[in-house]
Amino acid sequence: SWVKNDHIGFEIYYVYQGEYHTYYPDFIIRLTNDRYLLVEVKGIKTDKDKAKWAAAEEWVKAVNNTQKFGRWEFKVLEDPDDIFDLVV
Protein backbone atom coordinates (compact mmCIF):
# COMPACT_ATOMS: atom_id res chain seq x y z
CA SER A 1 0.00 0.00 0.00
CA TRP A 2 1.10 3.61 -0.38
CA VAL A 3 0.09 7.11 0.58
CA LYS A 4 0.95 10.55 -0.76
CA ASN A 5 2.49 12.40 2.15
CA ASP A 6 0.11 15.34 2.01
CA HIS A 7 -1.46 16.62 5.24
CA ILE A 8 -0.95 13.35 7.11
CA GLY A 9 1.55 14.75 9.60
CA PHE A 10 4.67 12.81 8.62
CA GLU A 11 7.61 15.19 8.69
CA ILE A 12 11.36 15.16 9.20
CA TYR A 13 13.21 18.14 10.62
CA TYR A 14 16.54 19.20 9.15
CA VAL A 15 19.02 22.06 9.21
CA TYR A 16 20.01 23.94 6.06
CA GLN A 17 22.29 26.96 6.12
CA GLY A 18 21.95 27.20 9.89
CA GLU A 19 18.14 27.27 9.92
CA TYR A 20 15.63 24.58 10.86
CA HIS A 21 13.23 23.36 8.17
CA THR A 22 10.60 20.67 7.77
CA TYR A 23 10.82 18.00 5.07
CA TYR A 24 7.84 16.02 3.83
CA PRO A 25 8.90 13.03 1.69
CA ASP A 26 6.57 12.62 -1.30
CA PHE A 27 5.31 9.09 -0.63
CA ILE A 28 5.30 6.40 2.04
CA ILE A 29 5.06 2.85 0.73
CA ARG A 30 4.30 -0.19 2.85
CA LEU A 31 5.60 -3.45 1.44
CA THR A 32 5.38 -7.01 2.73
CA ASN A 33 7.50 -8.31 5.60
CA ASP A 34 7.09 -5.13 7.66
CA ARG A 35 9.15 -3.12 5.15
CA TYR A 36 8.55 0.58 4.41
CA LEU A 37 9.93 3.05 1.89
CA LEU A 38 10.09 6.82 2.05
CA VAL A 39 10.15 7.95 -1.57
CA GLU A 40 11.12 11.33 -2.97
CA VAL A 41 10.41 12.03 -6.65
CA LYS A 42 12.96 14.50 -7.94
CA GLY A 43 14.54 15.55 -11.20
CA ILE A 44 17.05 18.28 -10.48
CA LYS A 45 18.92 18.04 -7.17
CA THR A 46 19.85 21.10 -5.13
CA ASP A 47 22.01 21.55 -2.05
CA LYS A 48 18.83 21.97 -0.02
CA ASP A 49 17.58 18.62 -1.33
CA LYS A 50 20.82 16.98 -0.23
CA ALA A 51 20.28 18.35 3.30
CA LYS A 52 16.70 16.99 3.31
CA TRP A 53 17.82 13.58 2.13
CA ALA A 54 20.64 13.39 4.65
CA ALA A 55 18.06 14.07 7.37
CA ALA A 56 15.79 11.36 5.93
CA GLU A 57 18.70 8.89 5.97
CA GLU A 58 19.38 9.77 9.61
CA TRP A 59 15.70 9.32 10.45
CA VAL A 60 15.69 5.90 8.77
CA LYS A 61 18.82 4.89 10.64
CA ALA A 62 17.31 5.98 13.96
CA VAL A 63 13.93 4.29 13.46
CA ASN A 64 15.60 1.07 12.30
CA ASN A 65 17.86 1.06 15.36
CA THR A 66 14.79 0.85 17.61
CA GLN A 67 13.73 -2.40 15.88
CA LYS A 68 10.12 -1.57 16.81
CA PHE A 69 8.63 -0.14 13.61
CA GLY A 70 9.65 -2.46 10.81
CA ARG A 71 12.49 -1.96 8.34
CA TRP A 72 12.59 1.48 6.69
CA GLU A 73 14.46 2.74 3.63
CA PHE A 74 14.74 6.10 1.91
CA LYS A 75 14.88 6.28 -1.90
CA VAL A 76 15.05 9.09 -4.42
CA LEU A 77 13.21 8.40 -7.65
CA GLU A 78 14.61 10.41 -10.54
CA ASP A 79 12.43 8.81 -13.21
CA PRO A 80 8.87 7.77 -12.27
CA ASP A 81 9.13 4.87 -14.74
CA ASP A 82 11.68 3.30 -12.39
CA ILE A 83 9.22 2.88 -9.51
CA PHE A 84 9.05 -0.91 -9.86
CA ASP A 85 12.85 -1.19 -9.68
CA LEU A 86 12.73 0.83 -6.48
CA VAL A 87 10.41 -1.50 -4.58
CA VAL A 88 12.24 -4.75 -5.29
PDB file of N, CA and C in Angstrom:
ATOM      1  N   SER A   1       0.844  -1.170   0.000  1.00  0.00           N
ATOM      2  CA  SER A   1       0.000   0.000   0.000  1.00  0.00           C
ATOM      3  C   SER A   1       0.894   1.240   0.000  1.00  0.00           C
ATOM      4  N   TRP A   2       0.322   2.374  -0.338  1.00  0.00           N
ATOM      5  CA  TRP A   2       1.098   3.610  -0.375  1.00  0.00           C
ATOM      6  C   TRP A   2       0.198   4.791  -0.061  1.00  0.00           C
ATOM      7  N   VAL A   3       0.827   5.889   0.316  1.00  0.00           N
ATOM      8  CA  VAL A   3       0.091   7.110   0.584  1.00  0.00           C
ATOM      9  C   VAL A   3       0.942   8.293   0.122  1.00  0.00           C
ATOM     10  N   LYS A   4       0.287   9.278  -0.455  1.00  0.00           N
ATOM     11  CA  LYS A   4       0.952  10.545  -0.761  1.00  0.00           C
ATOM     12  C   LYS A   4       1.059  11.289   0.559  1.00  0.00           C
ATOM     13  N   ASN A   5       2.247  11.739   0.873  1.00  0.00           N
ATOM     14  CA  ASN A   5       2.491  12.399   2.154  1.00  0.00           C
ATOM     15  C   ASN A   5       2.018  13.849   2.076  1.00  0.00           C
ATOM     16  N   ASP A   6       0.715  14.014   2.124  1.00  0.00           N
ATOM     17  CA  ASP A   6       0.107  15.340   2.014  1.00  0.00           C
ATOM     18  C   ASP A   6      -0.907  15.501   3.149  1.00  0.00           C
ATOM     19  N   HIS A   7      -0.584  16.341   4.105  1.00  0.00           N
ATOM     20  CA  HIS A   7      -1.460  16.621   5.244  1.00  0.00           C
ATOM     21  C   HIS A   7      -1.736  15.392   6.112  1.00  0.00           C
ATOM     22  N   ILE A   8      -0.761  14.486   6.204  1.00  0.00           N
ATOM     23  CA  ILE A   8      -0.948  13.347   7.106  1.00  0.00           C
ATOM     24  C   ILE A   8      -0.075  13.464   8.348  1.00  0.00           C
ATOM     25  N   GLY A   9       0.773  14.487   8.396  1.00  0.00           N
ATOM     26  CA  GLY A   9       1.546  14.752   9.596  1.00  0.00           C
ATOM     27  C   GLY A   9       2.908  14.092   9.665  1.00  0.00           C
ATOM     28  N   PHE A  10       3.342  13.425   8.602  1.00  0.00           N
ATOM     29  CA  PHE A  10       4.667  12.808   8.621  1.00  0.00           C
ATOM     30  C   PHE A  10       5.692  13.827   8.147  1.00  0.00           C
ATOM     31  N   GLU A  11       6.624  14.175   9.028  1.00  0.00           N
ATOM     32  CA  GLU A  11       7.614  15.194   8.695  1.00  0.00           C
ATOM     33  C   GLU A  11       8.949  14.853   9.337  1.00  0.00           C
ATOM     34  N   ILE A  12       9.996  15.352   8.707  1.00  0.00           N
ATOM     35  CA  ILE A  12      11.357  15.160   9.199  1.00  0.00           C
ATOM     36  C   ILE A  12      11.982  16.542   9.283  1.00  0.00           C
ATOM     37  N   TYR A  13      12.573  16.832  10.427  1.00  0.00           N
ATOM     38  CA  TYR A  13      13.208  18.137  10.617  1.00  0.00           C
ATOM     39  C   TYR A  13      14.664  18.061  10.178  1.00  0.00           C
ATOM     40  N   TYR A  14      15.145  19.157   9.592  1.00  0.00           N
ATOM     41  CA  TYR A  14      16.536  19.203   9.150  1.00  0.00           C
ATOM     42  C   TYR A  14      17.051  20.633   9.238  1.00  0.00           C
ATOM     43  N   VAL A  15      18.375  20.749   9.165  1.00  0.00           N
ATOM     44  CA  VAL A  15      19.023  22.058   9.206  1.00  0.00           C
ATOM     45  C   VAL A  15      19.659  22.323   7.848  1.00  0.00           C
ATOM     46  N   TYR A  16      19.389  23.511   7.313  1.00  0.00           N
ATOM     47  CA  TYR A  16      20.009  23.938   6.061  1.00  0.00           C
ATOM     48  C   TYR A  16      20.445  25.388   6.220  1.00  0.00           C
ATOM     49  N   GLN A  17      21.702  25.631   5.984  1.00  0.00           N
ATOM     50  CA  GLN A  17      22.294  26.959   6.119  1.00  0.00           C
ATOM     51  C   GLN A  17      21.991  27.579   7.492  1.00  0.00           C
ATOM     52  N   GLY A  18      22.100  26.727   8.515  1.00  0.00           N
ATOM     53  CA  GLY A  18      21.946  27.201   9.886  1.00  0.00           C
ATOM     54  C   GLY A  18      20.524  27.422  10.357  1.00  0.00           C
ATOM     55  N   GLU A  19      19.542  27.094   9.541  1.00  0.00           N
ATOM     56  CA  GLU A  19      18.138  27.272   9.924  1.00  0.00           C
ATOM     57  C   GLU A  19      17.410  25.936   9.897  1.00  0.00           C
ATOM     58  N   TYR A  20      16.447  25.794  10.809  1.00  0.00           N
ATOM     59  CA  TYR A  20      15.628  24.583  10.863  1.00  0.00           C
ATOM     60  C   TYR A  20      14.520  24.645   9.816  1.00  0.00           C
ATOM     61  N   HIS A  21      14.276  23.489   9.185  1.00  0.00           N
ATOM     62  CA  HIS A  21      13.232  23.357   8.168  1.00  0.00           C
ATOM     63  C   HIS A  21      12.494  22.042   8.388  1.00  0.00           C
ATOM     64  N   THR A  22      11.393  21.900   7.714  1.00  0.00           N
ATOM     65  CA  THR A  22      10.602  20.668   7.769  1.00  0.00           C
ATOM     66  C   THR A  22      10.549  20.047   6.384  1.00  0.00           C
ATOM     67  N   TYR A  23      10.814  18.754   6.331  1.00  0.00           N
ATOM     68  CA  TYR A  23      10.823  18.005   5.073  1.00  0.00           C
ATOM     69  C   TYR A  23       9.674  16.999   5.090  1.00  0.00           C
ATOM     70  N   TYR A  24       8.941  16.959   4.004  1.00  0.00           N
ATOM     71  CA  TYR A  24       7.837  16.021   3.826  1.00  0.00           C
ATOM     72  C   TYR A  24       8.153  15.133   2.622  1.00  0.00           C
ATOM     73  N   PRO A  25       8.650  13.908   2.831  1.00  0.00           N
ATOM     74  CA  PRO A  25       8.895  13.027   1.688  1.00  0.00           C
ATOM     75  C   PRO A  25       7.606  12.860   0.882  1.00  0.00           C
ATOM     76  N   ASP A  26       7.743  12.658  -0.428  1.00  0.00           N
ATOM     77  CA  ASP A  26       6.568  12.617  -1.304  1.00  0.00           C
ATOM     78  C   ASP A  26       5.616  11.459  -1.008  1.00  0.00           C
ATOM     79  N   PHE A  27       6.159  10.264  -0.813  1.00  0.00           N
ATOM     80  CA  PHE A  27       5.312   9.086  -0.634  1.00  0.00           C
ATOM     81  C   PHE A  27       5.851   8.197   0.479  1.00  0.00           C
ATOM     82  N   ILE A  28       4.941   7.462   1.099  1.00  0.00           N
ATOM     83  CA  ILE A  28       5.297   6.405   2.042  1.00  0.00           C
ATOM     84  C   ILE A  28       4.679   5.125   1.487  1.00  0.00           C
ATOM     85  N   ILE A  29       5.517   4.123   1.300  1.00  0.00           N
ATOM     86  CA  ILE A  29       5.063   2.853   0.731  1.00  0.00           C
ATOM     87  C   ILE A  29       5.259   1.755   1.764  1.00  0.00           C
ATOM     88  N   ARG A  30       4.217   0.960   1.956  1.00  0.00           N
ATOM     89  CA  ARG A  30       4.301  -0.194   2.851  1.00  0.00           C
ATOM     90  C   ARG A  30       4.356  -1.450   1.994  1.00  0.00           C
ATOM     91  N   LEU A  31       5.423  -2.208   2.174  1.00  0.00           N
ATOM     92  CA  LEU A  31       5.605  -3.454   1.440  1.00  0.00           C
ATOM     93  C   LEU A  31       5.348  -4.630   2.376  1.00  0.00           C
ATOM     94  N   THR A  32       5.550  -5.829   1.889  1.00  0.00           N
ATOM     95  CA  THR A  32       5.382  -7.015   2.729  1.00  0.00           C
ATOM     96  C   THR A  32       6.556  -7.124   3.695  1.00  0.00           C
ATOM     97  N   ASN A  33       6.445  -8.029   4.632  1.00  0.00           N
ATOM     98  CA  ASN A  33       7.499  -8.314   5.603  1.00  0.00           C
ATOM     99  C   ASN A  33       7.860  -7.112   6.463  1.00  0.00           C
ATOM    100  N   ASP A  34       6.872  -6.269   6.766  1.00  0.00           N
ATOM    101  CA  ASP A  34       7.089  -5.134   7.661  1.00  0.00           C
ATOM    102  C   ASP A  34       8.171  -4.189   7.133  1.00  0.00           C
ATOM    103  N   ARG A  35       8.179  -3.978   5.823  1.00  0.00           N
ATOM    104  CA  ARG A  35       9.154  -3.115   5.150  1.00  0.00           C
ATOM    105  C   ARG A  35       8.454  -1.865   4.636  1.00  0.00           C
ATOM    106  N   TYR A  36       9.118  -0.710   4.806  1.00  0.00           N
ATOM    107  CA  TYR A  36       8.547   0.575   4.410  1.00  0.00           C
ATOM    108  C   TYR A  36       9.572   1.377   3.617  1.00  0.00           C
ATOM    109  N   LEU A  37       9.071   2.167   2.671  1.00  0.00           N
ATOM    110  CA  LEU A  37       9.932   3.047   1.888  1.00  0.00           C
ATOM    111  C   LEU A  37       9.438   4.478   1.997  1.00  0.00           C
ATOM    112  N   LEU A  38      10.358   5.392   2.233  1.00  0.00           N
ATOM    113  CA  LEU A  38      10.087   6.816   2.054  1.00  0.00           C
ATOM    114  C   LEU A  38      10.602   7.134   0.660  1.00  0.00           C
ATOM    115  N   VAL A  39       9.759   7.708  -0.177  1.00  0.00           N
ATOM    116  CA  VAL A  39      10.145   7.954  -1.569  1.00  0.00           C
ATOM    117  C   VAL A  39      10.028   9.428  -1.895  1.00  0.00           C
ATOM    118  N   GLU A  40      11.078   9.964  -2.466  1.00  0.00           N
ATOM    119  CA  GLU A  40      11.122  11.334  -2.968  1.00  0.00           C
ATOM    120  C   GLU A  40      11.247  11.273  -4.483  1.00  0.00           C
ATOM    121  N   VAL A  41      10.349  11.947  -5.185  1.00  0.00           N
ATOM    122  CA  VAL A  41      10.411  12.028  -6.648  1.00  0.00           C
ATOM    123  C   VAL A  41      11.069  13.356  -6.992  1.00  0.00           C
ATOM    124  N   LYS A  42      12.200  13.280  -7.696  1.00  0.00           N
ATOM    125  CA  LYS A  42      12.963  14.504  -7.938  1.00  0.00           C
ATOM    126  C   LYS A  42      13.743  14.405  -9.239  1.00  0.00           C
ATOM    127  N   GLY A  43      13.747  15.471  -9.986  1.00  0.00           N
ATOM    128  CA  GLY A  43      14.543  15.551 -11.203  1.00  0.00           C
ATOM    129  C   GLY A  43      15.870  16.222 -10.940  1.00  0.00           C
ATOM    130  N   ILE A  44      15.839  17.503 -10.720  1.00  0.00           N
ATOM    131  CA  ILE A  44      17.051  18.285 -10.483  1.00  0.00           C
ATOM    132  C   ILE A  44      17.320  18.372  -8.986  1.00  0.00           C
ATOM    133  N   LYS A  45      18.550  18.037  -8.584  1.00  0.00           N
ATOM    134  CA  LYS A  45      18.916  18.041  -7.165  1.00  0.00           C
ATOM    135  C   LYS A  45      19.588  19.359  -6.800  1.00  0.00           C
ATOM    136  N   THR A  46      19.237  19.880  -5.640  1.00  0.00           N
ATOM    137  CA  THR A  46      19.854  21.100  -5.128  1.00  0.00           C
ATOM    138  C   THR A  46      20.585  20.786  -3.826  1.00  0.00           C
ATOM    139  N   ASP A  47      21.347  21.738  -3.342  1.00  0.00           N
ATOM    140  CA  ASP A  47      22.014  21.550  -2.050  1.00  0.00           C
ATOM    141  C   ASP A  47      20.991  21.384  -0.930  1.00  0.00           C
ATOM    142  N   LYS A  48      19.882  22.092  -1.036  1.00  0.00           N
ATOM    143  CA  LYS A  48      18.835  21.969  -0.017  1.00  0.00           C
ATOM    144  C   LYS A  48      18.245  20.560  -0.029  1.00  0.00           C
ATOM    145  N   ASP A  49      18.073  19.993  -1.230  1.00  0.00           N
ATOM    146  CA  ASP A  49      17.583  18.616  -1.329  1.00  0.00           C
ATOM    147  C   ASP A  49      18.541  17.653  -0.645  1.00  0.00           C
ATOM    148  N   LYS A  50      19.822  17.860  -0.849  1.00  0.00           N
ATOM    149  CA  LYS A  50      20.815  16.982  -0.232  1.00  0.00           C
ATOM    150  C   LYS A  50      20.719  17.039   1.288  1.00  0.00           C
ATOM    151  N   ALA A  51      20.447  18.213   1.843  1.00  0.00           N
ATOM    152  CA  ALA A  51      20.275  18.348   3.295  1.00  0.00           C
ATOM    153  C   ALA A  51      19.017  17.601   3.753  1.00  0.00           C
ATOM    154  N   LYS A  52      17.937  17.714   2.985  1.00  0.00           N
ATOM    155  CA  LYS A  52      16.697  16.991   3.312  1.00  0.00           C
ATOM    156  C   LYS A  52      16.939  15.491   3.322  1.00  0.00           C
ATOM    157  N   TRP A  53      17.620  15.022   2.289  1.00  0.00           N
ATOM    158  CA  TRP A  53      17.818  13.585   2.132  1.00  0.00           C
ATOM    159  C   TRP A  53      18.776  13.035   3.177  1.00  0.00           C
ATOM    160  N   ALA A  54      19.745  13.824   3.566  1.00  0.00           N
ATOM    161  CA  ALA A  54      20.639  13.392   4.648  1.00  0.00           C
ATOM    162  C   ALA A  54      19.840  13.236   5.943  1.00  0.00           C
ATOM    163  N   ALA A  55      18.913  14.159   6.186  1.00  0.00           N
ATOM    164  CA  ALA A  55      18.059  14.070   7.373  1.00  0.00           C
ATOM    165  C   ALA A  55      17.156  12.840   7.287  1.00  0.00           C
ATOM    166  N   ALA A  56      16.632  12.547   6.109  1.00  0.00           N
ATOM    167  CA  ALA A  56      15.790  11.362   5.927  1.00  0.00           C
ATOM    168  C   ALA A  56      16.593  10.091   6.192  1.00  0.00           C
ATOM    169  N   GLU A  57      17.831  10.046   5.716  1.00  0.00           N
ATOM    170  CA  GLU A  57      18.697   8.889   5.966  1.00  0.00           C
ATOM    171  C   GLU A  57      18.962   8.725   7.464  1.00  0.00           C
ATOM    172  N   GLU A  58      19.170   9.821   8.157  1.00  0.00           N
ATOM    173  CA  GLU A  58      19.382   9.767   9.607  1.00  0.00           C
ATOM    174  C   GLU A  58      18.122   9.285  10.318  1.00  0.00           C
ATOM    175  N   TRP A  59      16.961   9.751   9.867  1.00  0.00           N
ATOM    176  CA  TRP A  59      15.700   9.323  10.453  1.00  0.00           C
ATOM    177  C   TRP A  59      15.540   7.811  10.272  1.00  0.00           C
ATOM    178  N   VAL A  60      15.796   7.330   9.065  1.00  0.00           N
ATOM    179  CA  VAL A  60      15.687   5.895   8.771  1.00  0.00           C
ATOM    180  C   VAL A  60      16.625   5.099   9.671  1.00  0.00           C
ATOM    181  N   LYS A  61      17.840   5.565   9.785  1.00  0.00           N
ATOM    182  CA  LYS A  61      18.816   4.886  10.641  1.00  0.00           C
ATOM    183  C   LYS A  61      18.318   4.817  12.087  1.00  0.00           C
ATOM    184  N   ALA A  62      17.791   5.926  12.577  1.00  0.00           N
ATOM    185  CA  ALA A  62      17.306   5.983  13.958  1.00  0.00           C
ATOM    186  C   ALA A  62      16.102   5.067  14.180  1.00  0.00           C
ATOM    187  N   VAL A  63      15.133   5.111  13.280  1.00  0.00           N
ATOM    188  CA  VAL A  63      13.932   4.286  13.465  1.00  0.00           C
ATOM    189  C   VAL A  63      14.267   2.804  13.324  1.00  0.00           C
ATOM    190  N   ASN A  64      15.203   2.471  12.442  1.00  0.00           N
ATOM    191  CA  ASN A  64      15.605   1.068  12.299  1.00  0.00           C
ATOM    192  C   ASN A  64      16.369   0.582  13.521  1.00  0.00           C
ATOM    193  N   ASN A  65      17.117   1.448  14.162  1.00  0.00           N
ATOM    194  CA  ASN A  65      17.860   1.061  15.359  1.00  0.00           C
ATOM    195  C   ASN A  65      16.937   0.681  16.515  1.00  0.00           C
ATOM    196  N   THR A  66      15.723   1.216  16.538  1.00  0.00           N
ATOM    197  CA  THR A  66      14.793   0.847  17.607  1.00  0.00           C
ATOM    198  C   THR A  66      14.280  -0.576  17.444  1.00  0.00           C
ATOM    199  N   GLN A  67      14.249  -1.060  16.209  1.00  0.00           N
ATOM    200  CA  GLN A  67      13.733  -2.400  15.876  1.00  0.00           C
ATOM    201  C   GLN A  67      12.282  -2.595  16.324  1.00  0.00           C
ATOM    202  N   LYS A  68      11.514  -1.498  16.363  1.00  0.00           N
ATOM    203  CA  LYS A  68      10.119  -1.570  16.806  1.00  0.00           C
ATOM    204  C   LYS A  68       9.113  -1.231  15.714  1.00  0.00           C
ATOM    205  N   PHE A  69       9.571  -0.670  14.604  1.00  0.00           N
ATOM    206  CA  PHE A  69       8.634  -0.138  13.609  1.00  0.00           C
ATOM    207  C   PHE A  69       8.857  -0.696  12.217  1.00  0.00           C
ATOM    208  N   GLY A  70       9.382  -1.883  12.106  1.00  0.00           N
ATOM    209  CA  GLY A  70       9.654  -2.464  10.806  1.00  0.00           C
ATOM    210  C   GLY A  70      10.985  -1.978  10.256  1.00  0.00           C
ATOM    211  N   ARG A  71      11.241  -2.328   9.006  1.00  0.00           N
ATOM    212  CA  ARG A  71      12.488  -1.956   8.336  1.00  0.00           C
ATOM    213  C   ARG A  71      12.193  -0.850   7.331  1.00  0.00           C
ATOM    214  N   TRP A  72      12.821   0.306   7.517  1.00  0.00           N
ATOM    215  CA  TRP A  72      12.585   1.479   6.688  1.00  0.00           C
ATOM    216  C   TRP A  72      13.764   1.740   5.762  1.00  0.00           C
ATOM    217  N   GLU A  73      13.445   2.321   4.591  1.00  0.00           N
ATOM    218  CA  GLU A  73      14.457   2.742   3.631  1.00  0.00           C
ATOM    219  C   GLU A  73      14.038   4.097   3.062  1.00  0.00           C
ATOM    220  N   PHE A  74      15.008   4.838   2.596  1.00  0.00           N
ATOM    221  CA  PHE A  74      14.738   6.105   1.909  1.00  0.00           C
ATOM    222  C   PHE A  74      15.295   5.997   0.505  1.00  0.00           C
ATOM    223  N   LYS A  75      14.467   6.361  -0.493  1.00  0.00           N
ATOM    224  CA  LYS A  75      14.879   6.275  -1.895  1.00  0.00           C
ATOM    225  C   LYS A  75      14.477   7.546  -2.622  1.00  0.00           C
ATOM    226  N   VAL A  76      15.346   7.962  -3.537  1.00  0.00           N
ATOM    227  CA  VAL A  76      15.046   9.086  -4.418  1.00  0.00           C
ATOM    228  C   VAL A  76      14.764   8.516  -5.793  1.00  0.00           C
ATOM    229  N   LEU A  77      13.636   8.875  -6.349  1.00  0.00           N
ATOM    230  CA  LEU A  77      13.206   8.396  -7.653  1.00  0.00           C
ATOM    231  C   LEU A  77      13.375   9.523  -8.664  1.00  0.00           C
ATOM    232  N   GLU A  78      14.349   9.379  -9.548  1.00  0.00           N
ATOM    233  CA  GLU A  78      14.610  10.413 -10.542  1.00  0.00           C
ATOM    234  C   GLU A  78      13.706  10.283 -11.762  1.00  0.00           C
ATOM    235  N   ASP A  79      13.308   9.064 -12.073  1.00  0.00           N
ATOM    236  CA  ASP A  79      12.427   8.811 -13.213  1.00  0.00           C
ATOM    237  C   ASP A  79      11.246   7.974 -12.721  1.00  0.00           C
ATOM    238  N   PRO A  80      10.029   8.514 -12.777  1.00  0.00           N
ATOM    239  CA  PRO A  80       8.866   7.766 -12.274  1.00  0.00           C
ATOM    240  C   PRO A  80       8.692   6.387 -12.915  1.00  0.00           C
ATOM    241  N   ASP A  81       9.218   6.188 -14.110  1.00  0.00           N
ATOM    242  CA  ASP A  81       9.127   4.875 -14.741  1.00  0.00           C
ATOM    243  C   ASP A  81       9.935   3.810 -14.002  1.00  0.00           C
ATOM    244  N   ASP A  82      10.831   4.231 -13.124  1.00  0.00           N
ATOM    245  CA  ASP A  82      11.682   3.295 -12.392  1.00  0.00           C
ATOM    246  C   ASP A  82      11.077   2.849 -11.060  1.00  0.00           C
ATOM    247  N   ILE A  83       9.832   3.176 -10.806  1.00  0.00           N
ATOM    248  CA  ILE A  83       9.219   2.880  -9.508  1.00  0.00           C
ATOM    249  C   ILE A  83       9.265   1.389  -9.174  1.00  0.00           C
ATOM    250  N   PHE A  84       9.076   0.520 -10.157  1.00  0.00           N
ATOM    251  CA  PHE A  84       9.050  -0.910  -9.862  1.00  0.00           C
ATOM    252  C   PHE A  84      10.448  -1.437  -9.516  1.00  0.00           C
ATOM    253  N   ASP A  85      11.485  -0.823 -10.055  1.00  0.00           N
ATOM    254  CA  ASP A  85      12.853  -1.188  -9.678  1.00  0.00           C
ATOM    255  C   ASP A  85      13.145  -0.772  -8.249  1.00  0.00           C
ATOM    256  N   LEU A  86      12.506   0.275  -7.812  1.00  0.00           N
ATOM    257  CA  LEU A  86      12.731   0.828  -6.483  1.00  0.00           C
ATOM    258  C   LEU A  86      12.190  -0.068  -5.375  1.00  0.00           C
ATOM    259  N   VAL A  87      11.086  -0.733  -5.624  1.00  0.00           N
ATOM    260  CA  VAL A  87      10.407  -1.497  -4.578  1.00  0.00           C
ATOM    261  C   VAL A  87      10.824  -2.963  -4.514  1.00  0.00           C
ATOM    262  N   VAL A  88      11.784  -3.356  -5.302  1.00  0.00           N
ATOM    263  CA  VAL A  88      12.238  -4.753  -5.287  1.00  0.00           C
ATOM    264  C   VAL A  88      13.059  -5.025  -4.073  1.00  0.00           C
TER     265      VAL A  88
END
